[in-house]
């Protein structure tokens, strides 16, 4: 008998999956946030239903405790189906809404997978992440939703390399489906006639078909496959069209002396960027948590005749952001915003404490989304300000041994693409490879070839010129460009290479 756990099982695709998996050969574990007495379907019994709200931080513990109480010690199939959305201007989305969406769509699947790994490993089971075809195209009115699903895909891709031979990891992308989610997020039928979408029962059958074939990544539905192909391979044609037709964000500040806001500006890549933009005549506003290094960088800029101010604070927490924003307002408007701050957590996913991995998501993904939303909401930008988002070459190559880091950078790249479609300024997404910084030395499995890494000054110069030229993407360096192309064309082959280059060296260094 196969034990199958489905999240979001009380409605929509999740309920349709449960109905179709409800056979004598299967033992169902159905997870939802609704109170048990409110459920009328005979599928839901005290032995099959686990009430857990994935918007709460203890959801994974609740599920694990329920499984233990039921005597369930192995798990053959885990389907991460639960999800929530938001429709509307990304500048109007509140920080609470951003956090709720990222928690349900990203944090909870990661936490549940982390908690239930022993049960999956014991059964040599299968974990399925239900993503969305929306990850393939810019989605200005679904920007955070698209980012959350793209982050989930990045996580799954790296985890698949780590768990090869132990647990099968899949990503499945359905398209728009006729469920109650559209009404919940405020999408009217006048705006989009979701009654024309395929019913949940049909989509569930397609998902089950894909699950049975155990392919690493599947987009279900012919139209969705075509959309994904165009979104991945025709972005130079598709993105300008979407940008022309998308509702545009606005800011009313008149341009002043050029001012560049840089997160993580005290050291490493951020310091190099601050020096480069100061050299070009920008006043630098740096955000960092390290007071000593911030003072050093500020003094260095001023010694070269530039202007710089640093705001100290922790971007990775809402409390920290609340202390930072009032200090930024008098320094606005900003003509360029560079989201550079980031950390990592290295090691096999199941062996790294979950709290450390959640900290990566908060600084690398939550923080830039929070800050961007508040810059728009508080009118702190010039009318055509540019944004620079530092993603990672892992977007193309995967990053086994740092799966949550890869998730954060994939999500950030997707968000940047959606923002670019909605903003009259431009957004540059940068995909750097290894850079010669203390950050790289801290997290790298092998520092013996540090001289081969790109100097941060070289990267900063490339970013400056790409941003000034109005480019939307930058893969700096010929070797990195080659790896990016290989990852796009031959993802499976490159994942094998990344396993040898990163994961095996990590384990060999223990």
Protein backbone atom coordinates (compact mmCIF):
# COMPACT_ATOMS: atom_id res chain seq x y z
CA UNK A 1 0.00 0.00 0.00
CA UNK A 2 1.37 3.40 -1.01
CA UNK A 3 1.10 6.30 1.45
CA UNK A 4 0.36 9.55 -0.38
CA UNK A 5 0.37 12.98 1.27
CA UNK A 6 -1.32 15.87 -0.57
CA UNK A 7 -1.27 19.45 0.69
CA UNK A 8 -4.10 21.82 -0.18
CA UNK A 9 -6.38 18.80 -0.45
CA UNK A 10 -9.71 20.36 0.49
CA UNK A 11 -10.33 22.24 -2.74
CA UNK A 12 -9.38 22.64 -6.39
CA UNK A 13 -6.59 20.53 -7.84
CA UNK A 14 -5.72 19.06 -4.44
CA UNK A 15 -9.23 17.69 -3.91
CA UNK A 16 -9.31 16.33 -7.46
CA UNK A 17 -5.98 14.58 -6.86
CA UNK A 18 -7.31 13.07 -3.64
CA UNK A 19 -10.44 11.78 -5.37
CA UNK A 20 -8.41 10.13 -8.12
CA UNK A 21 -5.86 8.62 -5.74
CA UNK A 22 -8.63 7.27 -3.48
CA UNK A 23 -8.25 3.54 -4.20
CA UNK A 24 -7.74 0.45 -2.09
CA UNK A 25 -4.05 0.44 -3.04
CA UNK A 26 -3.41 3.86 -1.51
CA UNK A 27 -3.42 5.32 1.97
CA UNK A 28 -4.22 9.02 1.77
CA UNK A 29 -2.96 11.77 4.03
CA UNK A 30 -4.90 14.91 3.16
CA UNK A 31 -3.64 18.23 4.51
CA UNK A 32 -5.70 21.41 4.64
CA UNK A 33 -6.35 24.40 6.86
CA UNK A 34 -10.14 24.00 7.15
CA UNK A 35 -11.54 22.66 10.44
CA UNK A 36 -12.40 18.98 10.19
CA UNK A 37 -16.13 19.42 11.07
CA UNK A 38 -16.59 21.74 8.07
CA UNK A 39 -15.59 19.01 5.57
CA UNK A 40 -18.48 17.01 4.15
CA UNK A 41 -16.72 14.68 1.69
CA UNK A 42 -16.33 11.08 2.92
CA UNK A 43 -12.68 11.33 1.83
CA UNK A 44 -11.95 13.26 5.01
CA UNK A 45 -11.89 11.16 8.15
CA UNK A 46 -9.99 11.27 11.41
CA UNK A 47 -7.54 8.80 9.83
CA UNK A 48 -7.00 10.71 6.57
CA UNK A 49 -7.27 14.42 7.42
CA UNK A 50 -4.55 16.51 9.02
CA UNK A 51 -5.51 20.10 9.72
CA UNK A 52 -2.48 22.36 9.24
CA UNK A 53 -2.31 25.97 8.13
CA UNK A 54 0.67 26.35 5.82
CA UNK A 55 0.71 30.08 6.49
CA UNK A 56 1.87 29.29 10.04
CA UNK A 57 5.53 28.56 10.86
CA UNK A 58 4.70 25.36 12.75
CA UNK A 59 2.86 23.65 9.87
CA UNK A 60 5.64 21.12 9.21
CA UNK A 61 5.78 20.14 12.89
CA UNK A 62 2.00 19.77 12.98
CA UNK A 63 2.05 17.42 9.99
CA UNK A 64 4.96 15.37 11.34
CA UNK A 65 3.26 14.97 14.73
CA UNK A 66 0.01 13.90 13.08
CA UNK A 67 1.83 11.28 10.99
CA UNK A 68 3.59 9.93 14.08
CA UNK A 69 0.28 9.72 15.95
CA UNK A 70 -1.15 7.70 13.06
CA UNK A 71 1.82 5.33 13.10
CA UNK A 72 2.94 6.39 9.62
CA UNK A 73 6.70 5.92 9.31
CA UNK A 74 7.18 5.85 5.54
CA UNK A 75 5.95 8.13 2.78
CA UNK A 76 5.80 6.99 -0.83
CA UNK A 77 4.55 10.20 -2.44
CA UNK A 78 4.51 13.78 -1.17
CA UNK A 79 2.63 16.25 -3.39
CA UNK A 80 3.18 19.91 -2.57
CA UNK A 81 0.01 21.26 -4.14
CA UNK A 82 -1.13 23.95 -1.69
CA UNK A 83 -0.70 27.50 -2.89
CA UNK A 84 -2.04 31.00 -2.63
CA UNK A 85 -1.86 34.03 -4.90
CA UNK A 86 -2.19 37.77 -5.28
CA UNK A 87 -3.50 39.79 -8.20
CA UNK A 88 -2.80 43.48 -8.58
CA UNK A 89 -0.06 46.09 -8.69
CA UNK A 90 3.13 44.92 -6.97
CA UNK A 91 3.40 48.44 -5.51
CA UNK A 92 0.08 47.95 -3.70
CA UNK A 93 0.83 44.51 -2.31
CA UNK A 94 1.39 44.83 1.44
CA UNK A 95 4.35 43.31 3.23
CA UNK A 96 1.97 40.96 5.04
CA UNK A 97 0.62 39.75 1.70
CA UNK A 98 4.16 39.22 0.38
CA UNK A 99 5.08 37.21 3.46
CA UNK A 100 1.91 35.10 3.45
CA UNK A 101 2.37 34.21 -0.21
CA UNK A 102 6.04 33.30 0.18
CA UNK A 103 5.31 31.31 3.35
CA UNK A 104 2.57 29.17 1.81
CA UNK A 105 4.12 28.72 -1.64
CA UNK A 106 7.79 28.40 -0.71
CA UNK A 107 8.70 28.23 2.97
CA UNK A 108 6.16 25.57 3.89
CA UNK A 109 7.03 23.13 1.08
CA UNK A 110 10.71 23.50 1.99
CA UNK A 111 10.04 23.02 5.71
CA UNK A 112 7.74 20.03 5.18
CA UNK A 113 10.25 18.39 2.83
CA UNK A 114 13.03 18.96 5.38
CA UNK A 115 10.95 17.49 8.19
CA UNK A 116 9.68 14.45 6.26
CA UNK A 117 12.93 13.46 4.55
CA UNK A 118 13.44 10.38 6.80
CA UNK A 119 10.00 9.05 5.85
CA UNK A 120 10.63 9.63 2.15
CA UNK A 121 14.11 8.15 2.31
CA UNK A 122 12.88 5.01 4.04
CA UNK A 123 10.38 4.37 1.25
CA UNK A 124 12.69 5.59 -1.54
CA UNK A 125 9.75 7.81 -2.20
CA UNK A 126 8.86 10.66 -4.49
CA UNK A 127 8.31 14.37 -3.80
CA UNK A 128 6.39 16.51 -6.28
CA UNK A 129 6.40 20.30 -6.34
CA UNK A 130 3.43 21.76 -8.18
CA UNK A 131 4.71 24.95 -9.79
CA UNK A 132 3.06 26.99 -12.55
CA UNK A 133 3.59 27.79 -16.21
CA UNK A 134 3.54 31.44 -15.04
CA UNK A 135 7.23 31.04 -14.17
CA UNK A 136 8.06 31.12 -17.89
CA UNK A 137 6.72 34.59 -18.62
CA UNK A 138 6.74 38.03 -16.98
CA UNK A 139 3.67 38.45 -14.79
CA UNK A 140 3.52 42.03 -13.44
CA UNK A 141 0.22 41.53 -11.64
CA UNK A 142 1.35 38.19 -10.24
CA UNK A 143 4.98 39.20 -9.61
CA UNK A 144 5.43 37.72 -6.13
CA UNK A 145 3.42 34.62 -7.05
CA UNK A 146 5.67 34.01 -10.05
CA UNK A 147 8.75 34.59 -7.90
CA UNK A 148 7.56 32.09 -5.30
CA UNK A 149 6.93 29.39 -7.89
CA UNK A 150 10.22 30.04 -9.69
CA UNK A 151 12.03 29.81 -6.35
CA UNK A 152 10.29 26.49 -5.72
CA UNK A 153 11.54 25.21 -9.09
CA UNK A 154 15.09 26.34 -8.35
CA UNK A 155 14.97 24.56 -5.02
CA UNK A 156 13.61 21.35 -6.56
CA UNK A 157 16.22 21.32 -9.33
CA UNK A 158 19.13 21.50 -6.89
CA UNK A 159 17.50 19.10 -4.42
CA UNK A 160 17.02 16.56 -7.21
CA UNK A 161 20.79 16.37 -7.69
CA UNK A 162 21.38 15.98 -3.95
CA UNK A 163 18.76 13.26 -3.44
CA UNK A 164 19.49 11.25 -6.58
CA UNK A 165 19.21 7.54 -5.77
CA UNK A 166 17.38 8.21 -2.50
CA UNK A 167 14.22 10.20 -3.28
CA UNK A 168 12.77 11.15 -6.67
CA UNK A 169 12.19 14.90 -7.00
CA UNK A 170 9.83 16.31 -9.63
CA UNK A 171 8.50 19.68 -10.71
CA UNK A 172 5.14 19.79 -12.50
CA UNK A 173 3.73 22.96 -14.06
CA UNK A 174 0.01 23.19 -14.72
CA UNK A 175 -1.48 26.26 -16.32
CA UNK A 176 -4.49 28.31 -15.29
CA UNK A 177 -7.18 26.02 -13.86
CA UNK A 178 -10.85 26.53 -13.04
CA UNK A 179 -10.72 26.70 -9.25
CA UNK A 180 -11.90 29.05 -6.52
CA UNK A 181 -8.46 30.64 -6.22
CA UNK A 182 -9.22 33.35 -8.79
CA UNK A 183 -12.10 34.76 -6.78
CA UNK A 184 -10.09 34.58 -3.57
CA UNK A 185 -7.33 36.77 -4.98
CA UNK A 186 -9.73 39.34 -6.44
CA UNK A 187 -9.50 38.44 -10.12
CA UNK A 188 -12.86 39.24 -11.69
CA UNK A 189 -14.28 37.42 -14.69
CA UNK A 190 -14.31 40.72 -16.55
CA UNK A 191 -10.56 40.89 -16.22
CA UNK A 192 -9.98 37.20 -16.98
CA UNK A 193 -12.72 34.70 -17.73
CA UNK A 194 -11.44 31.85 -15.58
CA UNK A 195 -14.59 29.83 -16.34
CA UNK A 196 -12.91 28.96 -19.66
CA UNK A 197 -9.96 27.32 -17.94
CA UNK A 198 -9.82 23.50 -17.79
CA UNK A 199 -11.48 21.96 -14.73
CA UNK A 200 -9.43 20.76 -11.78
CA UNK A 201 -10.33 17.13 -12.52
CA UNK A 202 -8.70 17.26 -15.96
CA UNK A 203 -5.59 18.99 -14.66
CA UNK A 204 -5.32 16.47 -11.81
CA UNK A 205 -5.34 13.60 -14.33
CA UNK A 206 -2.52 15.30 -16.25
CA UNK A 207 -0.52 15.76 -13.06
CA UNK A 208 -0.95 12.10 -12.09
CA UNK A 209 0.15 11.07 -15.58
CA UNK A 210 3.32 13.14 -15.12
CA UNK A 211 3.92 11.78 -11.61
CA UNK A 212 3.79 8.21 -12.86
CA UNK A 213 6.46 8.93 -15.47
CA UNK A 214 8.81 10.46 -12.88
CA UNK A 215 10.35 12.93 -15.28
CA UNK A 216 12.38 15.60 -13.51
CA UNK A 217 10.31 18.46 -14.91
CA UNK A 218 7.00 18.45 -16.81
CA UNK A 219 4.66 21.12 -18.12
CA UNK A 220 1.17 19.70 -18.58
CA UNK A 221 -1.10 20.75 -21.42
CA UNK A 222 -0.13 21.51 -25.02
CA UNK A 223 -0.92 25.23 -24.75
CA UNK A 224 1.11 25.51 -21.57
CA UNK A 225 4.07 23.77 -23.19
CA UNK A 226 3.95 26.23 -26.06
CA UNK A 227 3.74 29.18 -23.65
CA UNK A 228 6.73 27.90 -21.70
CA UNK A 229 8.76 27.40 -24.88
CA UNK A 230 8.03 30.94 -26.03
CA UNK A 231 8.66 32.39 -22.58
CA UNK A 232 12.05 30.69 -22.26
CA UNK A 233 13.29 31.08 -25.81
CA UNK A 234 11.54 34.15 -27.17
CA UNK A 235 11.97 36.62 -24.33
CA UNK A 236 13.58 39.23 -26.58
CA UNK A 237 10.30 39.39 -28.54
CA UNK A 238 7.80 38.56 -25.80
CA UNK A 239 9.01 40.84 -22.99
CA UNK A 240 8.81 44.14 -24.93
CA UNK A 241 5.26 43.30 -26.02
CA UNK A 242 4.20 42.54 -22.45
CA UNK A 243 5.94 45.67 -21.20
CA UNK A 244 4.11 47.81 -23.73
CA UNK A 245 0.72 46.47 -22.66
CA UNK A 246 1.16 46.04 -18.90
CA UNK A 247 -0.23 48.62 -16.44
CA UNK A 248 2.69 50.91 -15.59
CA UNK A 249 3.94 51.83 -12.14
CA UNK A 250 4.57 55.53 -11.56
CA UNK A 251 6.60 57.82 -9.29
CA UNK A 252 6.24 61.61 -9.03
CA UNK A 253 9.67 62.64 -7.70
CA UNK A 254 11.61 64.86 -10.04
CA UNK A 255 15.16 63.69 -10.83
CA UNK A 256 17.78 65.20 -8.55
CA UNK A 257 21.52 64.62 -8.33
CA UNK A 258 22.05 60.98 -9.33
CA UNK A 259 21.71 58.81 -6.24
CA UNK A 260 22.33 55.07 -6.08
CA UNK A 261 20.94 52.90 -3.28
CA UNK A 262 22.97 49.69 -2.75
CA UNK A 263 22.16 46.92 -0.27
CA UNK A 264 25.08 45.03 1.25
CA UNK A 265 27.35 47.90 0.16
CA UNK A 266 30.01 47.65 2.88
CA UNK A 267 32.01 44.74 1.49
CA UNK A 268 32.55 42.41 -1.45
CA UNK A 269 30.53 43.01 -4.60
CA UNK A 270 28.50 45.74 -2.90
CA UNK A 271 31.62 47.70 -1.96
CA UNK A 272 32.96 47.41 -5.52
CA UNK A 273 29.63 48.65 -6.88
CA UNK A 274 29.60 51.57 -4.46
CA UNK A 275 33.10 52.62 -5.54
CA UNK A 276 32.26 52.25 -9.25
CA UNK A 277 29.04 54.26 -9.09
CA UNK A 278 30.69 56.91 -6.92
CA UNK A 279 33.45 57.20 -9.53
CA UNK A 280 30.72 57.88 -12.12
CA UNK A 281 29.35 60.77 -10.07
CA UNK A 282 26.57 59.05 -8.14
CA UNK A 283 25.90 59.85 -4.53
CA UNK A 284 25.98 56.47 -2.77
CA UNK A 285 23.44 55.43 -0.16
CA UNK A 286 24.60 52.15 1.28
CA UNK A 287 22.58 49.72 3.38
CA UNK A 288 24.48 47.26 5.54
CA UNK A 289 24.57 45.62 8.95
CA UNK A 290 28.35 45.88 9.43
CA UNK A 291 29.13 49.31 10.92
CA UNK A 292 32.91 48.96 10.80
CA UNK A 293 33.12 47.96 7.15
CA UNK A 294 30.48 50.52 6.22
CA UNK A 295 32.61 53.28 7.76
CA UNK A 296 35.67 52.02 5.87
CA UNK A 297 33.86 51.96 2.52
CA UNK A 298 32.31 55.37 3.14
CA UNK A 299 35.72 56.84 3.97
CA UNK A 300 37.23 55.28 0.85
CA UNK A 301 34.55 56.81 -1.37
CA UNK A 302 34.99 60.23 0.20
CA UNK A 303 38.78 60.01 -0.10
CA UNK A 304 38.28 59.62 -3.86
CA UNK A 305 36.09 62.72 -3.98
CA UNK A 306 32.73 60.96 -3.88
CA UNK A 307 29.70 61.30 -1.64
CA UNK A 308 28.35 58.48 0.49
CA UNK A 309 25.99 57.87 3.39
CA UNK A 310 25.36 54.53 5.05
CA UNK A 311 22.18 53.40 6.77
CA UNK A 312 22.79 50.58 9.23
CA UNK A 313 20.19 47.91 9.79
CA UNK A 314 19.10 44.32 9.24
CA UNK A 315 17.17 43.99 5.98
CA UNK A 316 16.30 40.37 6.69
CA UNK A 317 13.63 41.24 9.25
CA UNK A 318 10.51 43.37 9.09
CA UNK A 319 11.60 45.08 12.31
CA UNK A 320 14.94 45.97 10.75
CA UNK A 321 13.23 47.30 7.65
CA UNK A 322 10.98 49.47 9.81
CA UNK A 323 14.05 51.22 11.26
CA UNK A 324 15.73 51.60 7.86
CA UNK A 325 12.89 53.17 5.87
CA UNK A 326 12.55 56.41 7.88
CA UNK A 327 16.28 56.97 7.42
CA UNK A 328 16.03 56.45 3.65
CA UNK A 329 13.20 58.92 3.04
CA UNK A 330 15.30 62.09 3.56
CA UNK A 331 17.96 60.71 1.21
CA UNK A 332 15.55 60.06 -1.67
CA UNK A 333 14.79 60.09 -4.56
CA UNK A 334 16.88 57.21 -5.83
CA UNK A 335 17.74 56.98 -9.50
CA UNK A 336 19.27 53.52 -9.22
CA UNK A 337 18.56 50.71 -6.75
CA UNK A 338 20.90 47.71 -6.54
CA UNK A 339 19.69 44.65 -4.64
CA UNK A 340 23.01 43.04 -3.78
CA UNK A 341 22.83 41.85 -0.15
CA UNK A 342 22.82 38.09 0.26
CA UNK A 343 23.96 35.10 2.29
CA UNK A 344 24.07 31.34 1.76
CA UNK A 345 23.81 28.09 3.71
CA UNK A 346 25.95 25.27 2.37
CA UNK A 347 25.57 21.53 2.87
CA UNK A 348 23.13 18.77 2.05
CA UNK A 349 19.63 20.14 2.43
CA UNK A 350 18.44 17.70 5.08
CA UNK A 351 21.60 18.23 7.16
CA UNK A 352 21.51 22.05 7.32
CA UNK A 353 19.33 23.44 10.15
CA UNK A 354 16.10 24.80 8.72
CA UNK A 355 16.48 28.12 10.56
CA UNK A 356 19.71 28.84 8.68
CA UNK A 357 18.02 28.12 5.36
CA UNK A 358 15.04 30.31 6.25
CA UNK A 359 17.46 33.15 7.02
CA UNK A 360 18.78 32.84 3.46
CA UNK A 361 15.26 33.21 2.05
CA UNK A 362 14.52 36.22 4.22
CA UNK A 363 17.59 38.23 3.21
CA UNK A 364 17.92 37.08 -0.40
CA UNK A 365 14.25 37.09 -1.42
CA UNK A 366 11.90 38.65 1.12
CA UNK A 367 14.10 41.70 1.71
CA UNK A 368 14.38 42.90 -1.92
CA UNK A 369 10.64 42.36 -2.44
CA UNK A 370 9.82 44.26 0.76
CA UNK A 371 12.19 47.10 -0.03
CA UNK A 372 11.02 47.46 -3.63
CA UNK A 373 7.38 47.57 -2.57
CA UNK A 374 8.10 50.23 0.04
CA UNK A 375 10.19 52.37 -2.32
CA UNK A 376 7.20 52.51 -4.67
CA UNK A 377 4.64 52.96 -1.90
CA UNK A 378 6.54 55.82 -0.27
CA UNK A 379 7.41 57.50 -3.59
CA UNK A 380 11.17 57.33 -3.03
CA UNK A 381 12.20 56.80 -6.67
CA UNK A 382 12.79 59.03 -9.66
CA UNK A 383 10.24 58.54 -12.48
CA UNK A 384 12.58 56.33 -14.53
CA UNK A 385 14.81 54.83 -11.86
CA UNK A 386 16.70 51.67 -12.74
CA UNK A 387 16.84 48.49 -10.68
CA UNK A 388 19.67 45.97 -10.54
CA UNK A 389 18.99 42.51 -9.08
CA UNK A 390 21.93 40.21 -8.36
CA UNK A 391 20.80 36.68 -9.03
CA UNK A 392 23.28 33.85 -9.62
CA UNK A 393 24.65 31.60 -12.34
CA UNK A 394 22.87 28.83 -10.41
CA UNK A 395 19.73 30.06 -12.21
CA UNK A 396 21.05 28.15 -15.23
CA UNK A 397 23.27 25.56 -13.60
CA UNK A 398 21.52 24.55 -10.31
CA UNK A 399 23.38 24.56 -6.99
CA UNK A 400 23.37 21.19 -5.22
CA UNK A 401 24.63 21.76 -1.70
CA UNK A 402 22.92 25.16 -1.50
CA UNK A 403 19.40 24.38 -2.70
CA UNK A 404 17.68 27.15 -0.75
CA UNK A 405 20.23 29.72 -1.95
CA UNK A 406 19.42 28.65 -5.52
CA UNK A 407 15.72 29.01 -4.72
CA UNK A 408 16.16 32.56 -3.49
CA UNK A 409 18.15 33.66 -6.53
CA UNK A 410 15.78 32.02 -9.03
CA UNK A 411 12.82 33.71 -7.37
CA UNK A 412 14.59 37.07 -7.44
CA UNK A 413 15.32 36.76 -11.17
CA UNK A 414 11.68 35.98 -11.92
CA UNK A 415 10.49 38.94 -9.86
CA UNK A 416 12.91 41.25 -11.68
CA UNK A 417 11.56 40.14 -15.03
CA UNK A 418 8.00 40.89 -13.95
CA UNK A 419 8.99 44.28 -12.51
CA UNK A 420 10.70 45.15 -15.78
CA UNK A 421 7.39 44.66 -17.58
CA UNK A 422 5.59 47.06 -15.25
CA UNK A 423 8.11 49.87 -14.78
CA UNK A 424 9.00 52.69 -17.16
CA UNK A 425 12.59 52.54 -15.93
CA UNK A 426 14.56 49.39 -16.61
CA UNK A 427 15.52 46.37 -14.54
CA UNK A 428 18.82 44.57 -14.98
CA UNK A 429 19.18 41.02 -13.69
CA UNK A 430 22.77 39.88 -13.17
CA UNK A 431 23.81 36.22 -13.11
CA UNK A 432 27.38 36.23 -11.75
CA UNK A 433 29.48 33.13 -11.38
CA UNK A 434 32.18 32.72 -8.70
CA UNK A 435 33.54 36.09 -7.50
CA UNK A 436 36.70 36.70 -5.50
CA UNK A 437 35.12 37.80 -2.21
CA UNK A 438 35.06 36.76 1.44
CA UNK A 439 31.49 35.58 0.85
CA UNK A 440 32.65 33.15 -1.83
CA UNK A 441 35.51 31.88 0.35
CA UNK A 442 33.10 31.32 3.23
CA UNK A 443 30.70 29.15 1.28
CA UNK A 444 32.85 27.53 -1.39
CA UNK A 445 33.74 23.83 -1.13
CA UNK A 446 37.16 24.52 -2.69
CA UNK A 447 39.17 27.76 -2.48
CA UNK A 448 42.28 26.35 -4.13
CA UNK A 449 41.48 28.12 -7.40
CA UNK A 450 40.42 31.46 -6.03
CA UNK A 451 42.54 33.30 -8.58
CA UNK A 452 40.20 31.98 -11.27
CA UNK A 453 37.24 33.81 -9.76
CA UNK A 454 36.18 37.14 -11.18
CA UNK A 455 37.46 40.16 -9.20
CA UNK A 456 34.54 42.13 -7.72
CA UNK A 457 35.81 45.29 -9.41
CA UNK A 458 35.53 43.60 -12.82
CA UNK A 459 31.99 42.50 -12.05
CA UNK A 460 31.02 45.96 -10.77
CA UNK A 461 32.32 47.59 -13.94
CA UNK A 462 30.37 45.14 -16.13
CA UNK A 463 27.20 45.78 -14.12
CA UNK A 464 27.64 49.56 -14.36
CA UNK A 465 27.99 49.50 -18.14
CA UNK A 466 25.07 47.08 -18.61
CA UNK A 467 22.82 49.18 -16.38
CA UNK A 468 23.79 52.39 -18.13
CA UNK A 469 23.10 50.77 -21.50
CA UNK A 470 19.59 49.76 -20.39
CA UNK A 471 20.16 46.02 -20.67
CA UNK A 472 17.78 43.62 -18.95
CA UNK A 473 20.16 40.66 -18.44
CA UNK A 474 23.85 40.22 -17.83
CA UNK A 475 25.92 37.05 -17.57
CA UNK A 476 29.39 38.49 -16.95
CA UNK A 477 32.40 36.69 -18.41
CA UNK A 478 32.80 34.31 -21.37
CA UNK A 479 33.01 31.14 -19.26
CA UNK A 480 29.86 32.08 -17.36
CA UNK A 481 28.04 32.83 -20.62
CA UNK A 482 29.01 29.40 -21.91
CA UNK A 483 27.74 27.76 -18.72
CA UNK A 484 24.51 29.73 -18.92
CA UNK A 485 23.92 28.53 -22.48
CA UNK A 486 24.74 24.95 -21.53
CA UNK A 487 22.31 25.10 -18.62
CA UNK A 488 19.56 26.41 -20.87
CA UNK A 489 20.10 23.83 -23.61
CA UNK A 490 21.32 20.79 -21.64
CA UNK A 491 20.13 21.19 -18.04
CA UNK A 492 20.45 17.51 -17.12
CA UNK A 493 24.04 17.29 -18.34
CA UNK A 494 25.05 20.40 -16.45
CA UNK A 495 23.42 19.12 -13.25
CA UNK A 496 25.69 16.08 -13.41
CA UNK A 497 28.65 18.40 -13.73
CA UNK A 498 27.53 20.55 -10.81
CA UNK A 499 27.23 17.46 -8.66
CA UNK A 500 30.89 16.68 -9.27
CA UNK A 501 32.12 20.26 -9.05
CA UNK A 502 30.20 21.28 -5.93
CA UNK A 503 28.37 18.54 -4.04
CA UNK A 504 31.08 15.89 -4.12
CA UNK A 505 33.71 18.44 -3.08
CA UNK A 506 31.53 19.59 -0.21
CA UNK A 507 31.22 16.05 1.05
CA UNK A 508 34.89 15.31 0.43
CA UNK A 509 35.88 18.28 2.56
CA UNK A 510 34.08 17.01 5.62
